[in-house]
Amino acid sequence: MYCDQCGQQIDDDSKFCRHCGALQKVAGTETVQTGRTRRIGPLDPSPAVEAKAKQKVGPGRIFWTILAVFVVLAIIGSLAKQSSPSVGTSEAANIMANADMIADNIDNAASAVDEGAGKPTGAADGPWAYSTTEDKVRGSTTYYARTTSTNTIHQNPPYDSDTSMGMAVRKSRSDGTNVVLTISSGQMMCPSYEGCSGTVSFDGGPAQRIRFAGPADHSSETIFVEGAKSFIAKLKKAKKVVIEKTLYEAGNPQFEFDVRGLKWDH
């Protein structure tokens, strides 16, 4: 390609003329029959760039983009005031390059914010991890406290895996208060129409029978503790809980939980 100002030949991907320093025009766009517009010429984007361009623009990116515009304008204005009338084309090009670099850095920060958007907020406190989810349609909040058994049990084929049990305390406007037990693999065989039972012990105390309800979707990996509020009251006072539950072709394994310091006032 040739320089628009001095007519000297330069590299196709040059942003500035190496002879006179003039800023070169950026390749244009064309529209194909599919109705999509793409960039052409030496600046045709790579697949990675096109993928980034297709990402959903979240509120975080919009904020950082607006901020980037103000920062770039402020830098250009400040440098223009300090420059003498004899500032050449090369120096102006350097100013624009620095401004572009700052804008790219801000755009990268916006991407990091967008990647974290939409995830439940939460923090770990001892053996419990706390989180919330927001229902913006109904204006309600669901609260969670989660922990996982400190031991695993090994199941024979077809599962042939080490299985753990998770415990979640949940409070939502639609479902009320629940204690949900979930295994990582296997089947607990607890039909929703009749439920099932198991055994629990708090802090090495006497074994107690406990009733469970099966989920409405008939999942074999999840059960609900009946009498959740009473169970939670015992959890808040206990340090260790052992739950025994029959699994399909795995006998009656026992799962141990560290439940110290449960904070639940919902």
Protein backbone atom coordinates (compact mmCIF):
# COMPACT_ATOMS: atom_id res chain seq x y z
CA MET A 1 0.00 0.00 0.00
CA TYR A 2 1.02 3.65 -0.41
CA CYS A 3 0.96 6.58 2.00
CA ASP A 4 -2.03 8.90 1.57
CA GLN A 5 0.16 11.96 2.27
CA CYS A 6 3.57 11.47 0.62
CA GLY A 7 2.76 8.61 -1.77
CA GLN A 8 5.66 6.43 -0.58
CA GLN A 9 5.20 2.65 -0.43
CA ILE A 10 4.67 1.26 3.08
CA ASP A 11 3.70 -2.10 4.66
CA ASP A 12 0.06 -3.17 4.32
CA ASP A 13 -0.44 -3.36 8.10
CA SER A 14 1.26 -0.02 8.92
CA LYS A 15 -0.73 2.43 11.02
CA PHE A 16 1.74 5.27 10.32
CA CYS A 17 3.95 6.16 7.34
CA ARG A 18 7.61 5.45 8.09
CA HIS A 19 8.62 8.26 5.68
CA CYS A 20 6.43 11.18 6.79
CA GLY A 21 4.73 9.81 9.95
CA ALA A 22 1.21 10.37 8.60
CA LEU A 23 -1.62 8.34 10.19
CA GLN A 24 -2.99 5.87 7.62
CA LYS A 25 -6.64 5.21 6.92
CA VAL A 26 -8.20 2.09 8.56
CA ALA A 27 -9.59 -0.57 6.24
CA GLY A 28 -13.28 -0.20 5.52
CA THR A 29 -16.23 -2.56 5.76
CA GLU A 30 -18.33 -4.39 3.24
CA THR A 31 -21.78 -6.03 3.42
CA VAL A 32 -22.25 -9.55 2.08
CA GLN A 33 -25.49 -11.22 0.97
CA THR A 34 -26.10 -12.69 4.39
CA GLY A 35 -26.79 -9.16 5.68
CA ARG A 36 -23.81 -9.17 8.06
CA THR A 37 -21.15 -6.48 7.90
CA ARG A 38 -17.54 -7.50 8.33
CA ARG A 39 -14.20 -5.70 8.33
CA ILE A 40 -11.89 -6.25 5.32
CA GLY A 41 -8.28 -5.58 4.50
CA PRO A 42 -5.25 -6.07 6.73
CA LEU A 43 -7.27 -5.42 9.87
CA ASP A 44 -9.72 -8.31 9.26
CA PRO A 45 -10.37 -9.66 12.77
CA SER A 46 -9.23 -13.09 13.93
CA PRO A 47 -11.77 -15.69 15.17
CA ALA A 48 -10.83 -14.84 18.76
CA VAL A 49 -11.62 -11.16 18.18
CA GLU A 50 -14.93 -12.00 16.47
CA ALA A 51 -15.85 -14.23 19.42
CA LYS A 52 -15.10 -11.42 21.83
CA ALA A 53 -17.22 -9.04 19.78
CA LYS A 54 -20.19 -11.42 20.03
CA GLN A 55 -20.11 -11.48 23.82
CA LYS A 56 -23.11 -9.98 25.54
CA VAL A 57 -22.57 -6.39 26.52
CA GLY A 58 -23.42 -6.19 30.19
CA PRO A 59 -23.99 -3.12 32.35
CA GLY A 60 -20.42 -3.36 33.63
CA ARG A 61 -18.97 -3.07 30.11
CA ILE A 62 -21.19 -0.07 29.28
CA PHE A 63 -20.00 1.74 32.41
CA TRP A 64 -16.32 1.08 31.70
CA THR A 65 -16.70 2.03 28.03
CA ILE A 66 -18.20 5.41 28.97
CA LEU A 67 -15.43 5.91 31.52
CA ALA A 68 -12.82 5.05 28.86
CA VAL A 69 -14.22 7.75 26.54
CA PHE A 70 -13.95 10.44 29.23
CA VAL A 71 -10.43 9.36 30.19
CA VAL A 72 -9.23 9.43 26.57
CA LEU A 73 -10.77 12.88 25.96
CA ALA A 74 -9.22 14.24 29.15
CA ILE A 75 -5.75 12.96 28.21
CA ILE A 76 -5.93 14.36 24.69
CA GLY A 77 -7.15 17.74 25.98
CA SER A 78 -4.40 17.95 28.59
CA LEU A 79 -1.62 17.06 26.16
CA ALA A 80 -2.97 19.46 23.55
CA LYS A 81 -2.73 22.37 26.00
CA GLN A 82 0.87 21.51 26.89
CA SER A 83 2.00 21.03 23.28
CA SER A 84 3.54 23.89 21.27
CA PRO A 85 2.20 24.89 17.82
CA SER A 86 5.15 23.07 16.25
CA VAL A 87 4.05 19.61 17.38
CA GLY A 88 4.38 17.31 14.37
CA THR A 89 2.34 14.47 12.99
CA SER A 90 4.49 11.80 14.68
CA GLU A 91 3.92 13.23 18.16
CA ALA A 92 0.18 13.43 17.55
CA ALA A 93 0.24 9.81 16.47
CA ASN A 94 2.03 8.83 19.70
CA ILE A 95 -0.66 10.61 21.71
CA MET A 96 -3.37 8.66 19.93
CA ALA A 97 -1.50 5.37 20.45
CA ASN A 98 -1.21 6.02 24.20
CA ALA A 99 -4.90 6.87 24.39
CA ASP A 100 -5.79 3.62 22.58
CA MET A 101 -3.65 1.63 25.04
CA ILE A 102 -5.46 3.19 28.03
CA ALA A 103 -8.83 2.43 26.44
CA ASP A 104 -7.82 -1.21 25.89
CA ASN A 105 -6.78 -1.57 29.54
CA ILE A 106 -10.12 -0.20 30.73
CA ASP A 107 -11.94 -2.51 28.30
CA ASN A 108 -10.08 -5.50 29.75
CA ALA A 109 -11.16 -4.48 33.25
CA ALA A 110 -14.76 -4.28 32.03
CA SER A 111 -14.48 -7.82 30.66
CA ALA A 112 -13.38 -9.08 34.06
CA VAL A 113 -16.42 -7.44 35.68
CA ASP A 114 -18.78 -8.97 33.10
CA GLU A 115 -17.37 -12.46 33.64
CA GLY A 116 -18.36 -12.27 37.29
CA ALA A 117 -21.84 -10.84 36.69
CA GLY A 118 -24.91 -12.96 37.39
CA LYS A 119 -23.26 -15.30 39.89
CA PRO A 120 -24.68 -15.75 43.40
CA THR A 121 -22.91 -13.66 45.98
CA GLY A 122 -21.53 -15.52 48.94
CA ALA A 123 -18.68 -16.22 51.32
CA ALA A 124 -17.34 -19.18 53.28
CA ASP A 125 -17.47 -19.07 57.08
CA GLY A 126 -15.99 -22.17 58.68
CA PRO A 127 -17.48 -25.33 57.16
CA TRP A 128 -20.46 -23.37 55.80
CA ALA A 129 -20.63 -21.39 52.56
CA TYR A 130 -23.34 -18.71 52.41
CA SER A 131 -24.90 -17.27 49.27
CA THR A 132 -28.01 -15.55 47.94
CA THR A 133 -29.83 -15.36 44.63
CA GLU A 134 -32.10 -12.51 43.56
CA ASP A 135 -35.44 -12.96 41.78
CA LYS A 136 -35.76 -9.59 40.06
CA VAL A 137 -39.14 -10.49 38.55
CA ARG A 138 -40.79 -11.19 41.91
CA GLY A 139 -38.56 -8.95 44.00
CA SER A 140 -37.51 -11.75 46.37
CA THR A 141 -34.25 -13.18 47.72
CA THR A 142 -33.37 -16.83 48.33
CA TYR A 143 -30.81 -17.58 51.05
CA TYR A 144 -28.47 -20.59 51.19
CA ALA A 145 -26.03 -22.17 53.62
CA ARG A 146 -24.12 -25.15 52.21
CA THR A 147 -21.64 -27.72 53.45
CA THR A 148 -20.33 -31.10 52.27
CA SER A 149 -19.69 -34.34 54.12
CA THR A 150 -16.16 -34.74 55.43
CA ASN A 151 -16.05 -38.35 54.21
CA THR A 152 -16.92 -40.25 51.04
CA ILE A 153 -18.08 -43.82 50.40
CA HIS A 154 -17.03 -45.91 47.43
CA GLN A 155 -19.77 -47.39 45.24
CA ASN A 156 -19.42 -50.43 43.02
CA PRO A 157 -20.25 -50.44 39.29
CA PRO A 158 -22.15 -49.08 37.51
CA TYR A 159 -21.19 -45.99 39.53
CA ASP A 160 -17.69 -47.08 40.59
CA SER A 161 -17.00 -43.75 42.24
CA ASP A 162 -16.36 -42.04 45.56
CA THR A 163 -19.65 -40.50 46.67
CA SER A 164 -20.11 -37.54 49.00
CA MET A 165 -23.26 -35.95 50.39
CA GLY A 166 -24.03 -32.25 50.32
CA MET A 167 -26.30 -30.45 52.79
CA ALA A 168 -28.02 -27.17 51.94
CA VAL A 169 -30.19 -25.03 54.20
CA ARG A 170 -32.46 -22.88 52.02
CA LYS A 171 -35.09 -20.18 52.55
CA SER A 172 -37.18 -18.79 49.71
CA ARG A 173 -40.47 -16.94 49.45
CA SER A 174 -42.04 -19.61 47.24
CA ASP A 175 -40.80 -22.80 48.95
CA GLY A 176 -40.28 -21.68 52.54
CA THR A 177 -37.48 -23.23 54.62
CA ASN A 178 -35.88 -26.50 53.50
CA VAL A 179 -32.93 -28.74 54.30
CA VAL A 180 -31.81 -30.48 51.12
CA LEU A 181 -29.48 -33.49 50.97
CA THR A 182 -27.79 -34.37 47.67
CA ILE A 183 -25.38 -37.17 46.78
CA SER A 184 -22.72 -36.75 44.10
CA SER A 185 -23.54 -40.13 42.52
CA GLY A 186 -25.85 -43.07 43.09
CA GLN A 187 -29.54 -43.38 43.97
CA MET A 188 -31.30 -42.71 47.29
CA MET A 189 -34.59 -44.28 46.16
CA CYS A 190 -37.02 -41.87 47.81
CA PRO A 191 -40.22 -41.54 45.73
CA SER A 192 -42.10 -38.28 46.10
CA TYR A 193 -45.46 -40.03 46.68
CA GLU A 194 -44.36 -41.93 49.82
CA GLY A 195 -41.02 -40.55 50.96
CA CYS A 196 -38.38 -42.55 52.83
CA SER A 197 -36.46 -42.59 56.09
CA GLY A 198 -32.96 -42.62 57.52
CA THR A 199 -31.06 -42.19 60.77
CA VAL A 200 -29.30 -39.15 62.22
CA SER A 201 -27.06 -38.48 65.22
CA PHE A 202 -26.04 -35.08 66.61
CA ASP A 203 -22.68 -34.82 68.42
CA GLY A 204 -22.50 -38.55 69.08
CA GLY A 205 -25.93 -38.60 70.73
CA PRO A 206 -28.55 -41.32 70.37
CA ALA A 207 -29.58 -42.39 66.88
CA GLN A 208 -32.86 -40.84 65.76
CA ARG A 209 -35.15 -41.86 62.90
CA ILE A 210 -35.67 -39.10 60.38
CA ARG A 211 -38.16 -38.81 57.53
CA PHE A 212 -37.33 -37.55 54.06
CA ALA A 213 -39.50 -36.37 51.17
CA GLY A 214 -38.61 -37.08 47.56
CA PRO A 215 -38.37 -34.24 45.02
CA ALA A 216 -41.22 -33.47 42.63
CA ASP A 217 -38.96 -34.12 39.63
CA HIS A 218 -38.33 -37.69 40.89
CA SER A 219 -34.58 -37.16 41.08
CA SER A 220 -32.87 -40.07 42.84
CA GLU A 221 -29.95 -37.94 44.03
CA THR A 222 -31.88 -35.39 46.13
CA ILE A 223 -34.11 -35.63 49.22
CA PHE A 224 -35.69 -33.10 51.61
CA VAL A 225 -35.61 -33.37 55.41
CA GLU A 226 -39.11 -33.31 56.88
CA GLY A 227 -39.47 -30.92 59.82
CA ALA A 228 -36.76 -28.63 58.46
CA LYS A 229 -37.06 -25.91 61.12
CA SER A 230 -36.62 -28.38 63.97
CA PHE A 231 -33.66 -29.96 62.18
CA ILE A 232 -32.03 -26.53 61.65
CA ALA A 233 -32.45 -25.67 65.34
CA LYS A 234 -30.45 -28.81 66.21
CA LEU A 235 -27.85 -28.02 63.55
CA LYS A 236 -27.20 -24.59 65.08
CA LYS A 237 -26.36 -26.18 68.43
CA ALA A 238 -24.31 -29.10 67.10
CA LYS A 239 -20.71 -29.47 65.98
CA LYS A 240 -20.98 -32.82 64.20
CA VAL A 241 -23.83 -34.63 62.46
CA VAL A 242 -23.89 -38.16 61.02
CA ILE A 243 -26.62 -39.11 58.54
CA GLU A 244 -27.28 -42.71 57.52
CA LYS A 245 -29.27 -43.22 54.32
CA THR A 246 -29.87 -46.32 52.23
CA LEU A 247 -28.47 -46.14 48.69
CA TYR A 248 -29.38 -48.43 45.83
CA GLU A 249 -27.05 -51.46 45.88
CA ALA A 250 -24.71 -49.64 48.31
CA GLY A 251 -26.17 -50.60 51.69
CA ASN A 252 -26.65 -48.00 54.43
CA PRO A 253 -23.65 -45.67 54.23
CA GLN A 254 -23.07 -42.97 56.83
CA PHE A 255 -22.05 -39.43 55.91
CA GLU A 256 -20.34 -37.21 58.48
CA PHE A 257 -20.71 -33.42 58.56
CA ASP A 258 -18.84 -30.64 60.35
CA VAL A 259 -21.69 -28.21 61.14
CA ARG A 260 -20.02 -25.87 63.62
CA GLY A 261 -21.10 -22.24 63.68
CA LEU A 262 -24.16 -22.32 61.41
CA LYS A 263 -25.47 -18.75 61.12
CA TRP A 264 -29.11 -18.88 60.11
CA ASP A 265 -31.64 -16.20 61.08
CA HIS A 266 -33.89 -16.34 58.02
